[in-house]
Structures are given as structure tokens and as C-alpha cells.
């Protein structure tokens, strides 16, 4: 009986940490792509994506596809450094999706 109770308690605990929404790391805080953008991107791209410092692309006018944005963030481009060693793949994907919000119609 004690084993059954212990197993049920363990299963409940695991389910709390293993469930989550896309863009989250199980058992961790949700990924805040806006915050990552502010720390890693805004210096050159600006808060609105238009700064163009050091040749940074105007993200409000960029029309590259999601996978291409992921590739640029991961591997860098021109004077932009690669972020593959600084961000997780999930953070890179969340950041690429966030950047879509900077696009102007």
C-alpha cells in the first residue's frame, strides 16, 4: 500500500514538471522572448527593429521566413554574431517568432 501511495505521489510530482506549453522548458520559467530581444538584439536592431546600428537589418521591413530567421539567429549573418552557444534552441525559436511582431504590414 505504501508503494502505491508513493508511486501516485511521484507520478503527480512528475506531471507537474513535465507538462507545459510550447515555448516552455519543463519545470522552468516560460521563455520570455521579448526580454531576450531586449538583452540580445535591441542594441543593434532597436526596440522597434528599425535602429540599423552596425548594419543591422530593419526587422520591421524584413520578410524572411521563420526558418530563415531561426537560421540567422543561430548562425549569425554579416556583423551579427551567432547565438547558437548563447541561447537554447527553444529560446532561438521563441525569439524568431517574437520578431514577427515587429513587422509592419
Protein backbone atom coordinates (compact mmCIF):
# COMPACT_ATOMS: atom_id res chain seq x y z
CA UNK A 1 0.00 0.00 0.00
CA UNK A 2 2.83 2.39 0.87
CA UNK A 3 4.41 1.72 -2.54
CA UNK A 4 1.17 2.61 -4.30
CA UNK A 5 0.82 5.87 -2.38
CA UNK A 6 4.49 6.72 -3.05
CA UNK A 7 4.08 5.96 -6.76
CA UNK A 8 0.96 8.11 -7.06
CA UNK A 9 2.72 10.98 -5.28
CA UNK A 10 5.75 10.63 -7.55
CA UNK A 11 3.57 10.49 -10.68
CA UNK A 12 1.73 13.64 -9.61
CA UNK A 13 5.01 15.43 -8.99
CA UNK A 14 6.44 14.42 -12.37
CA UNK A 15 3.30 15.54 -14.19
CA UNK A 16 3.61 19.00 -12.63
CA UNK A 17 7.10 19.41 -14.00
CA UNK A 18 6.75 17.63 -17.33
CA UNK A 19 3.64 19.38 -18.58
CA UNK A 20 3.92 22.70 -20.29
CA UNK A 21 3.01 24.81 -23.23
CA UNK A 22 5.07 25.28 -26.38
CA UNK A 23 7.91 27.71 -25.77
CA UNK A 24 8.43 26.50 -22.23
CA UNK A 25 11.10 24.37 -20.69
CA UNK A 26 9.54 21.74 -18.42
CA UNK A 27 9.98 22.72 -14.78
CA UNK A 28 11.34 26.15 -15.70
CA UNK A 29 10.00 29.63 -16.26
CA UNK A 30 8.32 30.29 -19.63
CA UNK A 31 10.65 31.71 -22.25
CA UNK A 32 10.35 35.49 -22.38
CA UNK A 33 11.32 36.26 -25.97
CA UNK A 34 10.68 39.99 -25.51
CA UNK A 35 13.20 40.08 -22.67
CA UNK A 36 15.75 38.11 -24.71
CA UNK A 37 15.25 40.53 -27.61
CA UNK A 38 15.83 43.46 -25.24
CA UNK A 39 19.09 41.98 -23.96
CA UNK A 40 20.49 40.44 -27.12
CA UNK A 41 19.02 42.27 -30.12
CA UNK A 42 17.74 45.76 -29.29
CA UNK A 43 21.21 47.29 -29.02
CA UNK A 44 21.68 46.99 -32.81
CA UNK A 45 18.11 46.47 -34.08
CA UNK A 46 16.39 48.89 -31.67
CA UNK A 47 13.28 48.25 -29.60
CA UNK A 48 11.13 48.65 -32.70
CA UNK A 49 13.51 46.75 -35.00
CA UNK A 50 14.39 49.87 -37.01
CA UNK A 51 17.68 51.11 -35.47
CA UNK A 52 20.02 49.66 -38.11
CA UNK A 53 23.12 50.10 -35.94
CA UNK A 54 26.27 48.36 -37.28
CA UNK A 55 24.37 47.40 -40.44
CA UNK A 56 21.57 45.60 -38.57
CA UNK A 57 18.60 44.69 -40.73
CA UNK A 58 15.39 46.70 -40.29
CA UNK A 59 13.28 43.95 -38.73
CA UNK A 60 10.07 45.93 -39.26
CA UNK A 61 10.62 45.62 -43.03
CA UNK A 62 12.15 42.13 -43.09
CA UNK A 63 10.08 39.48 -44.84
CA UNK A 64 12.27 36.41 -44.35
CA UNK A 65 10.53 33.18 -43.41
CA UNK A 66 10.50 31.84 -39.87
CA UNK A 67 13.05 29.08 -40.54
CA UNK A 68 15.38 31.60 -42.18
CA UNK A 69 15.14 33.84 -39.07
CA UNK A 70 15.95 30.87 -36.89
CA UNK A 71 18.97 30.11 -39.08
CA UNK A 72 20.21 33.74 -38.93
CA UNK A 73 19.82 33.91 -35.15
CA UNK A 74 21.53 30.55 -34.77
CA UNK A 75 24.43 31.09 -37.17
CA UNK A 76 24.68 34.87 -37.42
CA UNK A 77 24.92 36.95 -40.59
CA UNK A 78 27.28 39.73 -41.63
CA UNK A 79 28.42 41.50 -38.47
CA UNK A 80 25.74 39.76 -36.37
CA UNK A 81 27.22 37.13 -34.12
CA UNK A 82 25.77 33.61 -33.91
CA UNK A 83 23.68 32.86 -30.85
CA UNK A 84 23.87 29.05 -31.03
CA UNK A 85 26.13 28.95 -27.97
CA UNK A 86 24.34 31.68 -26.03
CA UNK A 87 20.68 30.67 -26.37
CA UNK A 88 18.89 27.33 -26.32
CA UNK A 89 17.15 26.14 -29.47
CA UNK A 90 13.81 26.85 -27.77
CA UNK A 91 14.90 30.42 -26.96
CA UNK A 92 16.06 30.96 -30.55
CA UNK A 93 12.73 29.71 -31.91
CA UNK A 94 10.74 31.87 -29.46
CA UNK A 95 12.87 34.89 -30.41
CA UNK A 96 12.31 34.27 -34.13
CA UNK A 97 8.55 34.14 -33.55
CA UNK A 98 8.67 37.29 -31.40
CA UNK A 99 10.45 39.20 -34.17
CA UNK A 100 7.40 38.68 -36.40
CA UNK A 101 5.57 41.15 -34.14
CA UNK A 102 7.99 43.89 -35.21
CA UNK A 103 6.97 43.57 -38.87
CA UNK A 104 4.90 46.39 -40.29
CA UNK A 105 2.14 45.45 -42.74
